[in-house]
């Protein structure tokens, strides 16, 4: 692997960072990284080389991307850590009064209360270290490489973004090294150990919740024209219908980090045929709800939602999409449902 890496490095600009017990190489593009790193470090996640390249190629206006290939002192590969570089508005979640005050100050100082930031992880959802060795070995070296890279680039804020609680023990090193752990938006994982959504309600929900949901579903099921579900594997013919629905939800969120481009949804189905699904709920001929999902390793990942807010509350579309996705997953032999960390 070391020999192949040396040949690959000649193709483009690769910076080298010396570490206390190893070194790191900084690649500018996912495609520049030797495929062995992707194969060994990202074999257990749906966010593999294809996904990072998709993000890089379709979400470049507000973000830059780097990839830290980390080695120990014996030149053995330890981890591949993707990075997201961006300028963060530190007032994004402040009160309305403070936001207005900051806006006035920015007429004089445009970059006031903004910070250049390097995030270890993925732009979307849970982060990965791409660890080839154990996390206990990888995390200290990755953190050192991240901090030295950020310092060299004049970046003042570094973070590990949206990593699973399963990694918390390995990440205790970061707490001892001056990092602070902040709560993020929770994802949902649900084992599909039932035969239908009705059985799920009977097994896992309280009587009051079941009654409330049935009332919501009656409103949707009695709609005229009736709701109908379509499932697509490519977005080319439907992008003009689904993208406004996605934006309607994304732009109402009080906290926004990434807003996907049209190209993201278009290219996803092209770069990995069969891996993604585009669910559309129609009332008559009109699209009123949308869900973008990943299918991987027996799991349906519910990534993004879009809603027509002129009917979303009347038809309880958020609940309808959840019910229909679970029923679709069950009918297609999937074993788990997982949502992205939602903030709406």
Protein backbone atom coordinates (compact mmCIF):
# COMPACT_ATOMS: atom_id res chain seq x y z
CA UNK A 1 0.00 0.00 0.00
CA UNK A 2 2.84 2.40 0.73
CA UNK A 3 4.28 1.94 -2.77
CA UNK A 4 0.91 2.52 -4.43
CA UNK A 5 0.40 5.62 -2.30
CA UNK A 6 3.73 7.02 -3.44
CA UNK A 7 2.76 6.61 -7.07
CA UNK A 8 -0.66 8.19 -6.46
CA UNK A 9 0.81 11.22 -4.76
CA UNK A 10 2.54 12.24 -7.98
CA UNK A 11 -0.83 12.93 -9.64
CA UNK A 12 -1.72 16.06 -7.67
CA UNK A 13 -0.81 18.37 -4.82
CA UNK A 14 -0.48 16.48 -1.55
CA UNK A 15 0.64 18.25 1.61
CA UNK A 16 2.45 16.30 4.32
CA UNK A 17 2.09 16.88 8.06
CA UNK A 18 4.62 15.47 10.50
CA UNK A 19 3.03 14.03 13.64
CA UNK A 20 4.58 13.13 16.97
CA UNK A 21 4.15 9.41 16.21
CA UNK A 22 3.63 9.32 12.47
CA UNK A 23 2.57 11.54 9.59
CA UNK A 24 -0.50 12.58 7.61
CA UNK A 25 -1.04 13.35 3.94
CA UNK A 26 -3.68 15.90 2.94
CA UNK A 27 -5.55 15.14 -0.28
CA UNK A 28 -7.72 17.74 -2.00
CA UNK A 29 -10.11 15.33 -3.72
CA UNK A 30 -11.69 12.01 -2.79
CA UNK A 31 -10.51 10.51 -6.07
CA UNK A 32 -6.88 11.32 -5.24
CA UNK A 33 -6.92 9.08 -2.16
CA UNK A 34 -5.74 5.50 -2.84
CA UNK A 35 -8.78 3.23 -3.06
CA UNK A 36 -7.36 0.90 -0.40
CA UNK A 37 -8.08 3.60 2.18
CA UNK A 38 -11.71 3.81 1.11
CA UNK A 39 -12.10 0.03 0.90
CA UNK A 40 -10.59 -0.63 4.33
CA UNK A 41 -11.88 2.39 6.23
CA UNK A 42 -15.41 2.78 4.82
CA UNK A 43 -16.56 -0.78 4.11
CA UNK A 44 -19.07 -0.71 6.99
CA UNK A 45 -20.94 2.48 6.08
CA UNK A 46 -23.16 3.59 3.19
CA UNK A 47 -21.12 6.80 2.99
CA UNK A 48 -18.26 5.42 0.94
CA UNK A 49 -15.98 6.83 -1.76
CA UNK A 50 -18.89 7.32 -4.17
CA UNK A 51 -20.84 9.32 -1.60
CA UNK A 52 -17.96 11.60 -0.63
CA UNK A 53 -17.24 12.24 -4.30
CA UNK A 54 -20.94 13.01 -4.86
CA UNK A 55 -20.85 15.57 -2.02
CA UNK A 56 -17.62 17.07 -3.31
CA UNK A 57 -18.93 17.48 -6.85
CA UNK A 58 -22.40 18.82 -6.03
CA UNK A 59 -21.95 20.75 -2.76
CA UNK A 60 -18.92 22.91 -3.43
CA UNK A 61 -20.20 26.49 -3.30
CA UNK A 62 -20.15 26.96 0.50
CA UNK A 63 -17.78 24.15 1.43
CA UNK A 64 -14.33 22.82 0.69
CA UNK A 65 -13.19 19.28 1.33
CA UNK A 66 -9.94 17.64 2.36
CA UNK A 67 -8.97 14.08 3.26
CA UNK A 68 -6.37 13.28 5.93
CA UNK A 69 -4.61 9.96 5.33
CA UNK A 70 -2.94 9.20 8.66
CA UNK A 71 0.01 6.83 9.21
CA UNK A 72 1.77 5.69 12.37
CA UNK A 73 5.53 5.86 12.89
CA UNK A 74 6.01 2.50 11.13
CA UNK A 75 4.32 3.97 8.00
CA UNK A 76 1.31 1.74 8.57
CA UNK A 77 -2.02 3.35 7.50
CA UNK A 78 -4.22 4.17 10.49
CA UNK A 79 -7.23 6.14 9.23
CA UNK A 80 -8.69 8.27 6.45
CA UNK A 81 -10.43 11.29 7.94
CA UNK A 82 -12.62 13.39 5.61
CA UNK A 83 -12.76 17.10 6.46
CA UNK A 84 -15.31 19.80 5.69
CA UNK A 85 -13.99 23.37 5.58
CA UNK A 86 -16.42 26.25 5.87
CA UNK A 87 -17.02 29.67 7.37
CA UNK A 88 -19.49 29.32 10.22
CA UNK A 89 -21.88 32.04 11.31
CA UNK A 90 -21.53 31.89 15.10
CA UNK A 91 -24.80 33.78 15.55
CA UNK A 92 -26.87 31.29 13.57
CA UNK A 93 -28.74 29.93 16.61
CA UNK A 94 -28.83 33.16 18.62
CA UNK A 95 -31.97 35.05 19.64
CA UNK A 96 -33.68 37.27 17.08
CA UNK A 97 -32.56 40.40 18.91
CA UNK A 98 -28.92 39.31 18.88
CA UNK A 99 -29.15 38.31 15.20
CA UNK A 100 -30.43 41.79 14.33
CA UNK A 101 -27.64 43.39 16.37
CA UNK A 102 -24.99 41.25 14.65
CA UNK A 103 -26.48 42.11 11.24
CA UNK A 104 -26.04 45.83 11.98
CA UNK A 105 -22.42 45.33 13.01
CA UNK A 106 -21.75 43.38 9.81
CA UNK A 107 -22.54 46.47 7.75
CA UNK A 108 -19.23 47.76 9.16
CA UNK A 109 -17.39 44.46 9.71
CA UNK A 110 -18.73 41.86 7.24
CA UNK A 111 -16.96 38.93 8.93
CA UNK A 112 -17.99 39.84 12.48
CA UNK A 113 -18.96 36.77 14.54
CA UNK A 114 -17.88 34.40 11.76
CA UNK A 115 -15.17 31.79 12.06
CA UNK A 116 -13.29 29.62 9.61
CA UNK A 117 -13.92 26.05 10.71
CA UNK A 118 -12.58 22.56 9.95
CA UNK A 119 -14.95 19.70 10.69
CA UNK A 120 -13.83 16.09 10.86
CA UNK A 121 -16.66 13.95 9.55
CA UNK A 122 -19.23 14.04 6.78
CA UNK A 123 -21.15 17.08 5.59
CA UNK A 124 -24.33 15.04 6.07
CA UNK A 125 -25.29 12.86 9.02
CA UNK A 126 -22.99 10.77 11.18
CA UNK A 127 -19.25 11.18 10.80
CA UNK A 128 -16.66 8.46 10.30
CA UNK A 129 -12.94 8.35 10.96
CA UNK A 130 -12.34 5.74 8.29
CA UNK A 131 -10.33 3.88 10.92
CA UNK A 132 -8.13 1.06 9.65
CA UNK A 133 -6.55 0.44 13.05
CA UNK A 134 -8.53 0.60 16.31
CA UNK A 135 -10.23 3.87 17.20
CA UNK A 136 -8.07 4.12 20.32
CA UNK A 137 -5.01 4.19 18.05
CA UNK A 138 -6.58 6.34 15.32
CA UNK A 139 -8.25 9.16 17.26
CA UNK A 140 -5.14 10.72 18.86
CA UNK A 141 -3.30 10.75 15.51
CA UNK A 142 -6.32 12.07 13.60
CA UNK A 143 -6.85 14.83 16.18
CA UNK A 144 -3.20 15.86 16.02
CA UNK A 145 -3.30 15.91 12.22
CA UNK A 146 -6.53 17.94 12.21
CA UNK A 147 -5.17 20.52 14.64
CA UNK A 148 -1.85 20.92 12.82
CA UNK A 149 -3.60 21.22 9.46
CA UNK A 150 -6.03 23.83 10.82
CA UNK A 151 -3.22 25.83 12.40
CA UNK A 152 -1.32 25.87 9.12
CA UNK A 153 -4.42 27.13 7.28
CA UNK A 154 -5.26 29.84 9.80
CA UNK A 155 -8.42 28.01 10.88
CA UNK A 156 -9.42 28.85 14.45
CA UNK A 157 -12.15 26.30 15.16
CA UNK A 158 -11.97 22.50 14.78
CA UNK A 159 -14.59 19.90 15.61
CA UNK A 160 -15.56 16.27 15.16
CA UNK A 161 -19.06 16.45 13.68
CA UNK A 162 -21.96 14.11 14.50
CA UNK A 163 -20.08 11.00 15.55
CA UNK A 164 -22.04 8.05 16.93
CA UNK A 165 -22.38 7.59 20.68
CA UNK A 166 -20.88 4.12 20.11
CA UNK A 167 -17.54 5.88 19.64
CA UNK A 168 -17.78 7.84 22.88
CA UNK A 169 -15.25 5.71 24.78
CA UNK A 170 -12.61 6.12 22.07
CA UNK A 171 -13.43 9.82 21.85
CA UNK A 172 -12.78 10.31 25.56
CA UNK A 173 -9.24 11.20 24.45
CA UNK A 174 -10.66 14.38 22.92
CA UNK A 175 -12.31 15.43 26.18
CA UNK A 176 -8.98 15.04 27.94
CA UNK A 177 -7.34 17.15 25.22
CA UNK A 178 -9.50 20.25 25.55
CA UNK A 179 -12.49 19.41 23.33
CA UNK A 180 -16.04 20.02 24.56
CA UNK A 181 -18.85 17.62 23.70
CA UNK A 182 -22.07 19.29 22.52
CA UNK A 183 -25.38 17.55 22.00
CA UNK A 184 -26.51 17.35 18.38
CA UNK A 185 -29.83 16.54 16.78
CA UNK A 186 -30.75 12.91 17.46
CA UNK A 187 -31.11 10.35 14.67
CA UNK A 188 -33.58 7.48 14.94
CA UNK A 189 -32.83 3.79 14.44
CA UNK A 190 -35.68 1.29 14.49
CA UNK A 191 -35.44 -2.49 14.19
CA UNK A 192 -38.17 -3.70 11.84
CA UNK A 193 -39.13 -6.70 13.98
CA UNK A 194 -42.83 -6.47 13.16
CA UNK A 195 -44.94 -7.34 10.12
CA UNK A 196 -46.67 -4.01 9.46
CA UNK A 197 -47.00 -0.47 10.73
CA UNK A 198 -50.23 -1.45 12.49
CA UNK A 199 -48.35 -4.17 14.37
CA UNK A 200 -45.60 -1.65 15.22
CA UNK A 201 -48.21 0.67 16.74
CA UNK A 202 -49.75 -2.19 18.72
CA UNK A 203 -46.37 -3.44 19.99
CA UNK A 204 -44.48 -0.25 20.75
CA UNK A 205 -46.81 2.74 21.08
CA UNK A 206 -49.11 3.76 23.90
CA UNK A 207 -52.89 3.65 23.54
CA UNK A 208 -53.11 7.44 23.45
CA UNK A 209 -50.43 7.66 20.74
CA UNK A 210 -52.15 4.98 18.66
CA UNK A 211 -55.44 6.85 18.89
CA UNK A 212 -53.79 10.11 17.87
CA UNK A 213 -52.02 8.53 14.89
CA UNK A 214 -55.15 6.76 13.65
CA UNK A 215 -56.99 10.08 13.68
CA UNK A 216 -54.18 11.66 11.64
CA UNK A 217 -54.12 8.78 9.16
CA UNK A 218 -57.90 8.94 8.67
CA UNK A 219 -57.57 12.54 7.53
CA UNK A 220 -54.95 11.50 4.98
CA UNK A 221 -56.71 8.31 3.86
CA UNK A 222 -60.01 10.18 3.32
CA UNK A 223 -58.37 12.88 1.20
CA UNK A 224 -59.83 13.60 -2.21
CA UNK A 225 -58.10 13.10 -4.57
CA UNK A 226 -56.49 10.22 -2.63
CA UNK A 227 -52.79 10.11 -1.84
CA UNK A 228 -50.66 7.75 -3.92
CA UNK A 229 -47.03 6.70 -3.42
CA UNK A 230 -44.46 6.42 -6.22
CA UNK A 231 -40.91 5.09 -5.88
CA UNK A 232 -38.15 6.15 -8.28
CA UNK A 233 -34.48 5.20 -8.60
CA UNK A 234 -33.51 8.28 -10.62
CA UNK A 235 -34.52 11.93 -10.23
CA UNK A 236 -34.12 13.22 -13.77
CA UNK A 237 -37.83 13.19 -14.64
CA UNK A 238 -39.06 14.41 -11.25
CA UNK A 239 -36.46 16.92 -10.06
CA UNK A 240 -38.63 19.96 -10.83
CA UNK A 241 -41.35 18.52 -8.58
CA UNK A 242 -39.30 17.23 -5.66
CA UNK A 243 -36.70 19.97 -5.28
CA UNK A 244 -39.16 22.76 -4.36
CA UNK A 245 -40.67 20.42 -1.75
CA UNK A 246 -37.23 19.78 -0.26
CA UNK A 247 -36.41 23.51 -0.18
CA UNK A 248 -39.72 24.30 1.50
CA UNK A 249 -38.65 22.19 4.48
CA UNK A 250 -34.92 22.93 4.47
CA UNK A 251 -35.38 26.68 4.39
CA UNK A 252 -37.85 26.74 7.29
CA UNK A 253 -35.36 25.13 9.66
CA UNK A 254 -34.14 27.53 12.35
CA UNK A 255 -30.66 25.99 12.11
CA UNK A 256 -29.29 25.32 8.64
CA UNK A 257 -25.87 23.95 7.87
CA UNK A 258 -26.19 22.44 4.42
CA UNK A 259 -28.93 22.93 1.84
CA UNK A 260 -28.57 20.43 -0.96
CA UNK A 261 -28.38 21.48 -4.59
CA UNK A 262 -30.51 20.17 -7.42
CA UNK A 263 -27.37 18.49 -8.74
CA UNK A 264 -26.99 16.50 -5.52
CA UNK A 265 -30.35 14.78 -6.00
CA UNK A 266 -29.81 14.36 -9.74
CA UNK A 267 -26.31 12.88 -9.50
CA UNK A 268 -27.01 10.57 -6.56
CA UNK A 269 -29.05 8.15 -8.64
CA UNK A 270 -26.54 8.32 -11.48
CA UNK A 271 -23.37 7.72 -9.47
CA UNK A 272 -24.71 4.73 -7.53
CA UNK A 273 -27.60 3.09 -9.43
CA UNK A 274 -29.90 1.15 -7.13
CA UNK A 275 -28.52 2.59 -3.90
CA UNK A 276 -30.95 5.52 -3.59
CA UNK A 277 -34.74 5.81 -3.72
CA UNK A 278 -36.90 8.86 -4.36
CA UNK A 279 -40.32 8.47 -2.74
CA UNK A 280 -43.08 10.80 -3.95
CA UNK A 281 -46.56 11.14 -2.50
CA UNK A 282 -49.07 12.59 -4.95
CA UNK A 283 -52.54 13.96 -4.51
CA UNK A 284 -53.94 13.59 -7.96
CA UNK A 285 -51.14 14.64 -10.29
CA UNK A 286 -49.53 17.01 -7.79
CA UNK A 287 -46.50 16.02 -5.71
CA UNK A 288 -47.17 16.94 -2.07
CA UNK A 289 -44.39 15.07 -0.22
CA UNK A 290 -40.96 13.67 -0.97
CA UNK A 291 -38.41 11.52 0.82
CA UNK A 292 -34.86 10.78 -0.34
CA UNK A 293 -33.56 7.48 1.03
CA UNK A 294 -30.50 5.26 0.89
CA UNK A 295 -30.83 1.47 0.79
CA UNK A 296 -27.78 -0.28 2.24
CA UNK A 297 -27.08 -3.47 4.17
CA UNK A 298 -30.70 -4.20 5.00
CA UNK A 299 -31.41 -0.66 6.20
CA UNK A 300 -33.55 2.14 4.81
CA UNK A 301 -31.85 5.46 5.61
CA UNK A 302 -34.40 8.28 5.56
CA UNK A 303 -32.12 11.15 4.55
CA UNK A 304 -34.25 14.14 3.55
CA UNK A 305 -37.88 15.12 3.44
CA UNK A 306 -39.87 17.59 1.36
CA UNK A 307 -43.41 18.80 1.99
CA UNK A 308 -46.03 20.99 0.36
CA UNK A 309 -46.98 23.15 3.32
CA UNK A 310 -50.28 24.18 1.77
CA UNK A 311 -51.59 20.67 2.58
CA UNK A 312 -48.90 19.14 4.85
CA UNK A 313 -50.68 19.85 8.14
CA UNK A 314 -54.16 19.14 6.85
CA UNK A 315 -53.08 15.72 5.53
CA UNK A 316 -50.53 15.02 8.30
CA UNK A 317 -47.95 14.25 5.66
CA UNK A 318 -45.00 13.90 8.03
CA UNK A 319 -46.72 10.95 9.73
CA UNK A 320 -47.93 9.50 6.44
CA UNK A 321 -44.42 9.45 4.98
CA UNK A 322 -43.05 7.67 8.06
CA UNK A 323 -45.81 5.04 7.96
CA UNK A 324 -45.46 4.41 4.25
CA UNK A 325 -41.66 4.18 4.39
CA UNK A 326 -41.84 1.56 7.13
CA UNK A 327 -44.41 -0.46 5.21
CA UNK A 328 -42.31 -0.22 2.02
CA UNK A 329 -39.17 -1.31 3.89
CA UNK A 330 -41.02 -4.30 5.36
CA UNK A 331 -42.45 -5.35 2.01
CA UNK A 332 -38.95 -5.21 0.50
CA UNK A 333 -37.31 -7.36 3.16
CA UNK A 334 -35.37 -4.62 4.95
CA UNK A 335 -34.45 -5.10 8.61
CA UNK A 336 -33.93 -1.56 9.93
CA UNK A 337 -35.08 2.02 9.49
CA UNK A 338 -32.71 4.90 10.26
CA UNK A 339 -33.30 8.62 10.01
CA UNK A 340 -30.83 11.44 9.62
CA UNK A 341 -30.38 13.84 12.56
CA UNK A 342 -33.44 16.02 11.94
CA UNK A 343 -33.79 19.60 13.18
CA UNK A 344 -37.41 20.15 12.06
